[in-house]
């Protein structure tokens, strides 16, 4: 259930950025994204939960490359203001 900028999952509320909402809607776990992108847990956590987080270009590329395994049409501007 969406509650403003927070998503309620299994009775727990967690803040979600556009990337986090995108992976949640598709049933993707952050752990999968960590492994596929070869980025650190903290980086993926920030990208999925902090609306103000702006990853570096290289980090963005790694995330988008991993997500394109799920949806080849995904673009960075869906998640971050470029």
PDB file of N, CA and C in Angstrom:
ATOM      1  N   UNK A   1       0.841  -1.174   0.000  1.00  0.00           N
ATOM      2  CA  UNK A   1       0.000   0.000   0.000  1.00  0.00           C
ATOM      3  C   UNK A   1       0.886   1.237   0.000  1.00  0.00           C
ATOM      4  N   UNK A   2       0.621   2.169  -0.895  1.00  0.00           N
ATOM      5  CA  UNK A   2       1.391   3.406  -0.951  1.00  0.00           C
ATOM      6  C   UNK A   2       0.862   4.398   0.069  1.00  0.00           C
ATOM      7  N   UNK A   3       1.756   4.998   0.796  1.00  0.00           N
ATOM      8  CA  UNK A   3       1.399   6.012   1.771  1.00  0.00           C
ATOM      9  C   UNK A   3       2.305   7.200   1.502  1.00  0.00           C
ATOM     10  N   UNK A   4       1.877   8.101   0.640  1.00  0.00           N
ATOM     11  CA  UNK A   4       2.720   9.230   0.269  1.00  0.00           C
ATOM     12  C   UNK A   4       3.985   8.747  -0.390  1.00  0.00           C
ATOM     13  N   UNK A   5       5.121   9.075   0.211  1.00  0.00           N
ATOM     14  CA  UNK A   5       6.414   8.667  -0.329  1.00  0.00           C
ATOM     15  C   UNK A   5       6.920   7.412   0.351  1.00  0.00           C
ATOM     16  N   UNK A   6       6.087   6.771   1.134  1.00  0.00           N
ATOM     17  CA  UNK A   6       6.483   5.576   1.870  1.00  0.00           C
ATOM     18  C   UNK A   6       5.658   4.412   1.370  1.00  0.00           C
ATOM     19  N   UNK A   7       6.280   3.268   1.220  1.00  0.00           N
ATOM     20  CA  UNK A   7       5.563   2.078   0.781  1.00  0.00           C
ATOM     21  C   UNK A   7       5.460   1.145   1.983  1.00  0.00           C
ATOM     22  N   UNK A   8       4.324   0.514   2.158  1.00  0.00           N
ATOM     23  CA  UNK A   8       4.127  -0.384   3.276  1.00  0.00           C
ATOM     24  C   UNK A   8       4.290  -1.807   2.762  1.00  0.00           C
ATOM     25  N   UNK A   9       5.284  -2.521   3.293  1.00  0.00           N
ATOM     26  CA  UNK A   9       5.583  -3.874   2.867  1.00  0.00           C
ATOM     27  C   UNK A   9       5.587  -4.773   4.093  1.00  0.00           C
ATOM     28  N   UNK A  10       4.768  -5.787   4.090  1.00  0.00           N
ATOM     29  CA  UNK A  10       4.688  -6.743   5.195  1.00  0.00           C
ATOM     30  C   UNK A  10       4.511  -6.036   6.537  1.00  0.00           C
ATOM     31  N   UNK A  11       3.709  -4.976   6.549  1.00  0.00           N
ATOM     32  CA  UNK A  11       3.440  -4.262   7.783  1.00  0.00           C
ATOM     33  C   UNK A  11       4.526  -3.278   8.175  1.00  0.00           C
ATOM     34  N   UNK A  12       5.611  -3.247   7.431  1.00  0.00           N
ATOM     35  CA  UNK A  12       6.697  -2.320   7.722  1.00  0.00           C
ATOM     36  C   UNK A  12       6.657  -1.168   6.730  1.00  0.00           C
ATOM     37  N   UNK A  13       6.904   0.025   7.210  1.00  0.00           N
ATOM     38  CA  UNK A  13       6.947   1.166   6.313  1.00  0.00           C
ATOM     39  C   UNK A  13       8.386   1.471   5.977  1.00  0.00           C
ATOM     40  N   UNK A  14       8.661   1.643   4.685  1.00  0.00           N
ATOM     41  CA  UNK A  14      10.007   2.021   4.294  1.00  0.00           C
ATOM     42  C   UNK A  14       9.916   3.085   3.216  1.00  0.00           C
ATOM     43  N   UNK A  15      10.747   4.127   3.340  1.00  0.00           N
ATOM     44  CA  UNK A  15      10.724   5.179   2.329  1.00  0.00           C
ATOM     45  C   UNK A  15      11.237   4.638   0.999  1.00  0.00           C
ATOM     46  N   UNK A  16      10.642   5.077  -0.094  1.00  0.00           N
ATOM     47  CA  UNK A  16      11.048   4.572  -1.400  1.00  0.00           C
ATOM     48  C   UNK A  16      11.221   5.720  -2.384  1.00  0.00           C
ATOM     49  N   UNK A  17      12.332   5.700  -3.064  1.00  0.00           N
ATOM     50  CA  UNK A  17      12.608   6.607  -4.169  1.00  0.00           C
ATOM     51  C   UNK A  17      12.023   5.969  -5.430  1.00  0.00           C
ATOM     52  N   UNK A  18      12.003   6.690  -6.551  1.00  0.00           N
ATOM     53  CA  UNK A  18      11.453   6.092  -7.778  1.00  0.00           C
ATOM     54  C   UNK A  18      12.073   4.733  -8.139  1.00  0.00           C
ATOM     55  N   UNK A  19      13.383   4.581  -7.958  1.00  0.00           N
ATOM     56  CA  UNK A  19      14.018   3.292  -8.249  1.00  0.00           C
ATOM     57  C   UNK A  19      13.461   2.196  -7.344  1.00  0.00           C
ATOM     58  N   UNK A  20      13.319   2.482  -6.070  1.00  0.00           N
ATOM     59  CA  UNK A  20      12.778   1.509  -5.125  1.00  0.00           C
ATOM     60  C   UNK A  20      11.358   1.105  -5.470  1.00  0.00           C
ATOM     61  N   UNK A  21      10.546   2.082  -5.853  1.00  0.00           N
ATOM     62  CA  UNK A  21       9.163   1.782  -6.242  1.00  0.00           C
ATOM     63  C   UNK A  21       9.142   0.909  -7.493  1.00  0.00           C
ATOM     64  N   UNK A  22      10.044   1.201  -8.429  1.00  0.00           N
ATOM     65  CA  UNK A  22      10.112   0.451  -9.688  1.00  0.00           C
ATOM     66  C   UNK A  22      10.441  -1.014  -9.418  1.00  0.00           C
ATOM     67  N   UNK A  23      11.469  -1.261  -8.597  1.00  0.00           N
ATOM     68  CA  UNK A  23      11.836  -2.660  -8.337  1.00  0.00           C
ATOM     69  C   UNK A  23      10.773  -3.365  -7.499  1.00  0.00           C
ATOM     70  N   UNK A  24      10.128  -2.637  -6.584  1.00  0.00           N
ATOM     71  CA  UNK A  24       9.056  -3.234  -5.773  1.00  0.00           C
ATOM     72  C   UNK A  24       7.894  -3.699  -6.653  1.00  0.00           C
ATOM     73  N   UNK A  25       7.504  -2.866  -7.604  1.00  0.00           N
ATOM     74  CA  UNK A  25       6.377  -3.221  -8.489  1.00  0.00           C
ATOM     75  C   UNK A  25       6.673  -4.473  -9.298  1.00  0.00           C
ATOM     76  N   UNK A  26       7.932  -4.736  -9.553  1.00  0.00           N
ATOM     77  CA  UNK A  26       8.325  -5.900 -10.357  1.00  0.00           C
ATOM     78  C   UNK A  26       8.760  -7.091  -9.517  1.00  0.00           C
ATOM     79  N   UNK A  27       8.677  -6.946  -8.212  1.00  0.00           N
ATOM     80  CA  UNK A  27       9.040  -8.052  -7.326  1.00  0.00           C
ATOM     81  C   UNK A  27      10.535  -8.323  -7.262  1.00  0.00           C
ATOM     82  N   UNK A  28      11.336  -7.316  -7.597  1.00  0.00           N
ATOM     83  CA  UNK A  28      12.787  -7.469  -7.576  1.00  0.00           C
ATOM     84  C   UNK A  28      13.304  -7.120  -6.187  1.00  0.00           C
ATOM     85  N   UNK A  29      14.219  -7.905  -5.687  1.00  0.00           N
ATOM     86  CA  UNK A  29      14.830  -7.652  -4.380  1.00  0.00           C
ATOM     87  C   UNK A  29      16.056  -6.761  -4.554  1.00  0.00           C
ATOM     88  N   UNK A  30      16.311  -5.923  -3.576  1.00  0.00           N
ATOM     89  CA  UNK A  30      17.512  -5.093  -3.609  1.00  0.00           C
ATOM     90  C   UNK A  30      18.758  -5.968  -3.678  1.00  0.00           C
ATOM     91  N   UNK A  31      18.708  -7.121  -3.047  1.00  0.00           N
ATOM     92  CA  UNK A  31      19.855  -8.043  -3.056  1.00  0.00           C
ATOM     93  C   UNK A  31      20.212  -8.466  -4.488  1.00  0.00           C
ATOM     94  N   UNK A  32      19.187  -8.691  -5.314  1.00  0.00           N
ATOM     95  CA  UNK A  32      19.422  -9.031  -6.717  1.00  0.00           C
ATOM     96  C   UNK A  32      20.157  -7.895  -7.416  1.00  0.00           C
ATOM     97  N   UNK A  33      19.697  -6.660  -7.175  1.00  0.00           N
ATOM     98  CA  UNK A  33      20.306  -5.495  -7.807  1.00  0.00           C
ATOM     99  C   UNK A  33      21.739  -5.293  -7.328  1.00  0.00           C
ATOM    100  N   UNK A  34      22.001  -5.563  -6.076  1.00  0.00           N
ATOM    101  CA  UNK A  34      23.363  -5.473  -5.528  1.00  0.00           C
ATOM    102  C   UNK A  34      24.284  -6.436  -6.281  1.00  0.00           C
ATOM    103  N   UNK A  35      23.834  -7.667  -6.434  1.00  0.00           N
ATOM    104  CA  UNK A  35      24.662  -8.681  -7.105  1.00  0.00           C
ATOM    105  C   UNK A  35      24.839  -8.378  -8.591  1.00  0.00           C
ATOM    106  N   UNK A  36      23.767  -8.014  -9.279  1.00  0.00           N
ATOM    107  CA  UNK A  36      23.836  -7.771 -10.721  1.00  0.00           C
ATOM    108  C   UNK A  36      24.640  -6.523 -11.062  1.00  0.00           C
ATOM    109  N   UNK A  37      24.507  -5.487 -10.250  1.00  0.00           N
ATOM    110  CA  UNK A  37      25.194  -4.229 -10.546  1.00  0.00           C
ATOM    111  C   UNK A  37      26.626  -4.209 -10.012  1.00  0.00           C
ATOM    112  N   UNK A  38      26.918  -5.137  -9.100  1.00  0.00           N
ATOM    113  CA  UNK A  38      28.228  -5.193  -8.440  1.00  0.00           C
ATOM    114  C   UNK A  38      28.533  -3.901  -7.681  1.00  0.00           C
ATOM    115  N   UNK A  39      27.468  -3.320  -7.115  1.00  0.00           N
ATOM    116  CA  UNK A  39      27.605  -2.132  -6.282  1.00  0.00           C
ATOM    117  C   UNK A  39      27.405  -2.513  -4.831  1.00  0.00           C
ATOM    118  N   UNK A  40      27.802  -1.643  -3.945  1.00  0.00           N
ATOM    119  CA  UNK A  40      27.675  -1.913  -2.520  1.00  0.00           C
ATOM    120  C   UNK A  40      26.239  -1.827  -2.027  1.00  0.00           C
ATOM    121  N   UNK A  41      25.992  -2.495  -0.940  1.00  0.00           N
ATOM    122  CA  UNK A  41      24.666  -2.511  -0.312  1.00  0.00           C
ATOM    123  C   UNK A  41      24.191  -1.094   0.018  1.00  0.00           C
ATOM    124  N   UNK A  42      25.078  -0.277   0.599  1.00  0.00           N
ATOM    125  CA  UNK A  42      24.680   1.086   0.967  1.00  0.00           C
ATOM    126  C   UNK A  42      24.292   1.902  -0.255  1.00  0.00           C
ATOM    127  N   UNK A  43      25.025   1.751  -1.336  1.00  0.00           N
ATOM    128  CA  UNK A  43      24.725   2.493  -2.562  1.00  0.00           C
ATOM    129  C   UNK A  43      23.332   2.141  -3.069  1.00  0.00           C
ATOM    130  N   UNK A  44      23.021   0.864  -3.117  1.00  0.00           N
ATOM    131  CA  UNK A  44      21.700   0.434  -3.597  1.00  0.00           C
ATOM    132  C   UNK A  44      20.608   0.849  -2.618  1.00  0.00           C
ATOM    133  N   UNK A  45      20.882   0.752  -1.337  1.00  0.00           N
ATOM    134  CA  UNK A  45      19.903   1.193  -0.334  1.00  0.00           C
ATOM    135  C   UNK A  45      19.589   2.673  -0.515  1.00  0.00           C
ATOM    136  N   UNK A  46      20.611   3.507  -0.676  1.00  0.00           N
ATOM    137  CA  UNK A  46      20.379   4.943  -0.887  1.00  0.00           C
ATOM    138  C   UNK A  46      19.606   5.186  -2.173  1.00  0.00           C
ATOM    139  N   UNK A  47      20.006   4.513  -3.242  1.00  0.00           N
ATOM    140  CA  UNK A  47      19.347   4.717  -4.532  1.00  0.00           C
ATOM    141  C   UNK A  47      17.870   4.321  -4.485  1.00  0.00           C
ATOM    142  N   UNK A  48      17.546   3.319  -3.684  1.00  0.00           N
ATOM    143  CA  UNK A  48      16.161   2.832  -3.606  1.00  0.00           C
ATOM    144  C   UNK A  48      15.314   3.583  -2.588  1.00  0.00           C
ATOM    145  N   UNK A  49      15.941   4.251  -1.628  1.00  0.00           N
ATOM    146  CA  UNK A  49      15.148   4.855  -0.562  1.00  0.00           C
ATOM    147  C   UNK A  49      15.258   6.373  -0.443  1.00  0.00           C
ATOM    148  N   UNK A  50      16.330   6.966  -0.925  1.00  0.00           N
ATOM    149  CA  UNK A  50      16.540   8.402  -0.754  1.00  0.00           C
ATOM    150  C   UNK A  50      16.229   9.142  -2.050  1.00  0.00           C
ATOM    151  N   UNK A  51      15.123   9.876  -2.051  1.00  0.00           N
ATOM    152  CA  UNK A  51      14.702  10.606  -3.247  1.00  0.00           C
ATOM    153  C   UNK A  51      15.715  11.657  -3.679  1.00  0.00           C
ATOM    154  N   UNK A  52      16.552  12.109  -2.764  1.00  0.00           N
ATOM    155  CA  UNK A  52      17.537  13.144  -3.073  1.00  0.00           C
ATOM    156  C   UNK A  52      18.896  12.576  -3.490  1.00  0.00           C
ATOM    157  N   UNK A  53      19.056  11.268  -3.415  1.00  0.00           N
ATOM    158  CA  UNK A  53      20.337  10.649  -3.772  1.00  0.00           C
ATOM    159  C   UNK A  53      20.553  10.745  -5.283  1.00  0.00           C
ATOM    160  N   UNK A  54      21.732  11.242  -5.666  1.00  0.00           N
ATOM    161  CA  UNK A  54      22.086  11.335  -7.084  1.00  0.00           C
ATOM    162  C   UNK A  54      23.377  10.554  -7.283  1.00  0.00           C
ATOM    163  N   UNK A  55      23.278   9.356  -7.874  1.00  0.00           N
ATOM    164  CA  UNK A  55      24.474   8.544  -8.082  1.00  0.00           C
ATOM    165  C   UNK A  55      25.392   9.154  -9.139  1.00  0.00           C
ATOM    166  N   UNK A  56      26.639   8.748  -9.102  1.00  0.00           N
ATOM    167  CA  UNK A  56      27.579   9.175 -10.138  1.00  0.00           C
ATOM    168  C   UNK A  56      27.146   8.550 -11.465  1.00  0.00           C
ATOM    169  N   UNK A  57      27.687   9.061 -12.550  1.00  0.00           N
ATOM    170  CA  UNK A  57      27.359   8.518 -13.866  1.00  0.00           C
ATOM    171  C   UNK A  57      27.682   7.041 -13.983  1.00  0.00           C
ATOM    172  N   UNK A  58      28.825   6.637 -13.447  1.00  0.00           N
ATOM    173  CA  UNK A  58      29.250   5.232 -13.517  1.00  0.00           C
ATOM    174  C   UNK A  58      28.296   4.335 -12.709  1.00  0.00           C
ATOM    175  N   UNK A  59      27.899   4.809 -11.529  1.00  0.00           N
ATOM    176  CA  UNK A  59      26.964   4.046 -10.689  1.00  0.00           C
ATOM    177  C   UNK A  59      25.617   3.916 -11.386  1.00  0.00           C
ATOM    178  N   UNK A  60      25.161   5.010 -11.971  1.00  0.00           N
ATOM    179  CA  UNK A  60      23.900   4.992 -12.708  1.00  0.00           C
ATOM    180  C   UNK A  60      23.951   3.965 -13.839  1.00  0.00           C
ATOM    181  N   UNK A  61      25.055   3.957 -14.570  1.00  0.00           N
ATOM    182  CA  UNK A  61      25.212   3.015 -15.681  1.00  0.00           C
ATOM    183  C   UNK A  61      25.131   1.570 -15.202  1.00  0.00           C
ATOM    184  N   UNK A  62      25.757   1.272 -14.075  1.00  0.00           N
ATOM    185  CA  UNK A  62      25.734  -0.095 -13.541  1.00  0.00           C
ATOM    186  C   UNK A  62      24.322  -0.511 -13.146  1.00  0.00           C
ATOM    187  N   UNK A  63      23.591   0.411 -12.529  1.00  0.00           N
ATOM    188  CA  UNK A  63      22.212   0.118 -12.120  1.00  0.00           C
ATOM    189  C   UNK A  63      21.339  -0.113 -13.348  1.00  0.00           C
ATOM    190  N   UNK A  64      21.421   0.784 -14.314  1.00  0.00           N
ATOM    191  CA  UNK A  64      20.594   0.674 -15.521  1.00  0.00           C
ATOM    192  C   UNK A  64      20.937  -0.592 -16.299  1.00  0.00           C
ATOM    193  N   UNK A  65      22.208  -0.926 -16.397  1.00  0.00           N
ATOM    194  CA  UNK A  65      22.607  -2.155 -17.105  1.00  0.00           C
ATOM    195  C   UNK A  65      21.963  -3.377 -16.450  1.00  0.00           C
ATOM    196  N   UNK A  66      21.969  -3.435 -15.122  1.00  0.00           N
ATOM    197  CA  UNK A  66      21.344  -4.555 -14.410  1.00  0.00           C
ATOM    198  C   UNK A  66      19.839  -4.574 -14.650  1.00  0.00           C
ATOM    199  N   UNK A  67      19.192  -3.410 -14.567  1.00  0.00           N
ATOM    200  CA  UNK A  67      17.744  -3.346 -14.734  1.00  0.00           C
ATOM    201  C   UNK A  67      17.300  -3.705 -16.148  1.00  0.00           C
ATOM    202  N   UNK A  68      18.161  -3.484 -17.116  1.00  0.00           N
ATOM    203  CA  UNK A  68      17.811  -3.809 -18.505  1.00  0.00           C
ATOM    204  C   UNK A  68      17.696  -5.307 -18.737  1.00  0.00           C
ATOM    205  N   UNK A  69      18.170  -6.101 -17.802  1.00  0.00           N
ATOM    206  CA  UNK A  69      17.940  -7.551 -17.885  1.00  0.00           C
ATOM    207  C   UNK A  69      16.461  -7.852 -17.659  1.00  0.00           C
ATOM    208  N   UNK A  70      15.795  -6.978 -16.927  1.00  0.00           N
ATOM    209  CA  UNK A  70      14.370  -7.139 -16.626  1.00  0.00           C
ATOM    210  C   UNK A  70      13.522  -6.395 -17.654  1.00  0.00           C
ATOM    211  N   UNK A  71      13.937  -5.173 -17.984  1.00  0.00           N
ATOM    212  CA  UNK A  71      13.194  -4.329 -18.922  1.00  0.00           C
ATOM    213  C   UNK A  71      14.189  -3.575 -19.799  1.00  0.00           C
ATOM    214  N   UNK A  72      14.387  -4.021 -21.035  1.00  0.00           N
ATOM    215  CA  UNK A  72      15.378  -3.400 -21.925  1.00  0.00           C
ATOM    216  C   UNK A  72      15.125  -1.922 -22.226  1.00  0.00           C
ATOM    217  N   UNK A  73      13.923  -1.441 -21.964  1.00  0.00           N
ATOM    218  CA  UNK A  73      13.604  -0.050 -22.285  1.00  0.00           C
ATOM    219  C   UNK A  73      13.809   0.908 -21.109  1.00  0.00           C
ATOM    220  N   UNK A  74      14.284   0.410 -19.972  1.00  0.00           N
ATOM    221  CA  UNK A  74      14.443   1.266 -18.793  1.00  0.00           C
ATOM    222  C   UNK A  74      15.491   2.348 -19.070  1.00  0.00           C
ATOM    223  N   UNK A  75      15.235   3.561 -18.519  1.00  0.00           N
ATOM    224  CA  UNK A  75      16.125   4.704 -18.716  1.00  0.00           C
ATOM    225  C   UNK A  75      16.438   5.358 -17.372  1.00  0.00           C
ATOM    226  N   UNK A  76      17.603   5.934 -17.273  1.00  0.00           N
ATOM    227  CA  UNK A  76      18.037   6.587 -16.023  1.00  0.00           C
ATOM    228  C   UNK A  76      17.104   7.744 -15.642  1.00  0.00           C
ATOM    229  N   UNK A  77      16.557   8.453 -16.641  1.00  0.00           N
ATOM    230  CA  UNK A  77      15.712   9.606 -16.299  1.00  0.00           C
ATOM    231  C   UNK A  77      14.359   9.198 -15.699  1.00  0.00           C
ATOM    232  N   UNK A  78      14.088   7.895 -15.641  1.00  0.00           N
ATOM    233  CA  UNK A  78      12.893   7.416 -14.933  1.00  0.00           C
ATOM    234  C   UNK A  78      13.100   7.515 -13.421  1.00  0.00           C
ATOM    235  N   UNK A  79      14.356   7.552 -12.997  1.00  0.00           N
ATOM    236  CA  UNK A  79      14.675   7.500 -11.569  1.00  0.00           C
ATOM    237  C   UNK A  79      15.332   8.761 -11.042  1.00  0.00           C
ATOM    238  N   UNK A  80      16.082   9.442 -11.905  1.00  0.00           N
ATOM    239  CA  UNK A  80      16.847  10.612 -11.466  1.00  0.00           C
ATOM    240  C   UNK A  80      16.645  11.759 -12.438  1.00  0.00           C
ATOM    241  N   UNK A  81      16.683  12.988 -11.906  1.00  0.00           N
ATOM    242  CA  UNK A  81      16.600  14.190 -12.745  1.00  0.00           C
ATOM    243  C   UNK A  81      17.958  14.401 -13.399  1.00  0.00           C
ATOM    244  N   UNK A  82      17.995  14.254 -14.685  1.00  0.00           N
ATOM    245  CA  UNK A  82      19.270  14.392 -15.411  1.00  0.00           C
ATOM    246  C   UNK A  82      19.349  15.733 -16.112  1.00  0.00           C
TER     247      UNK A  82
END
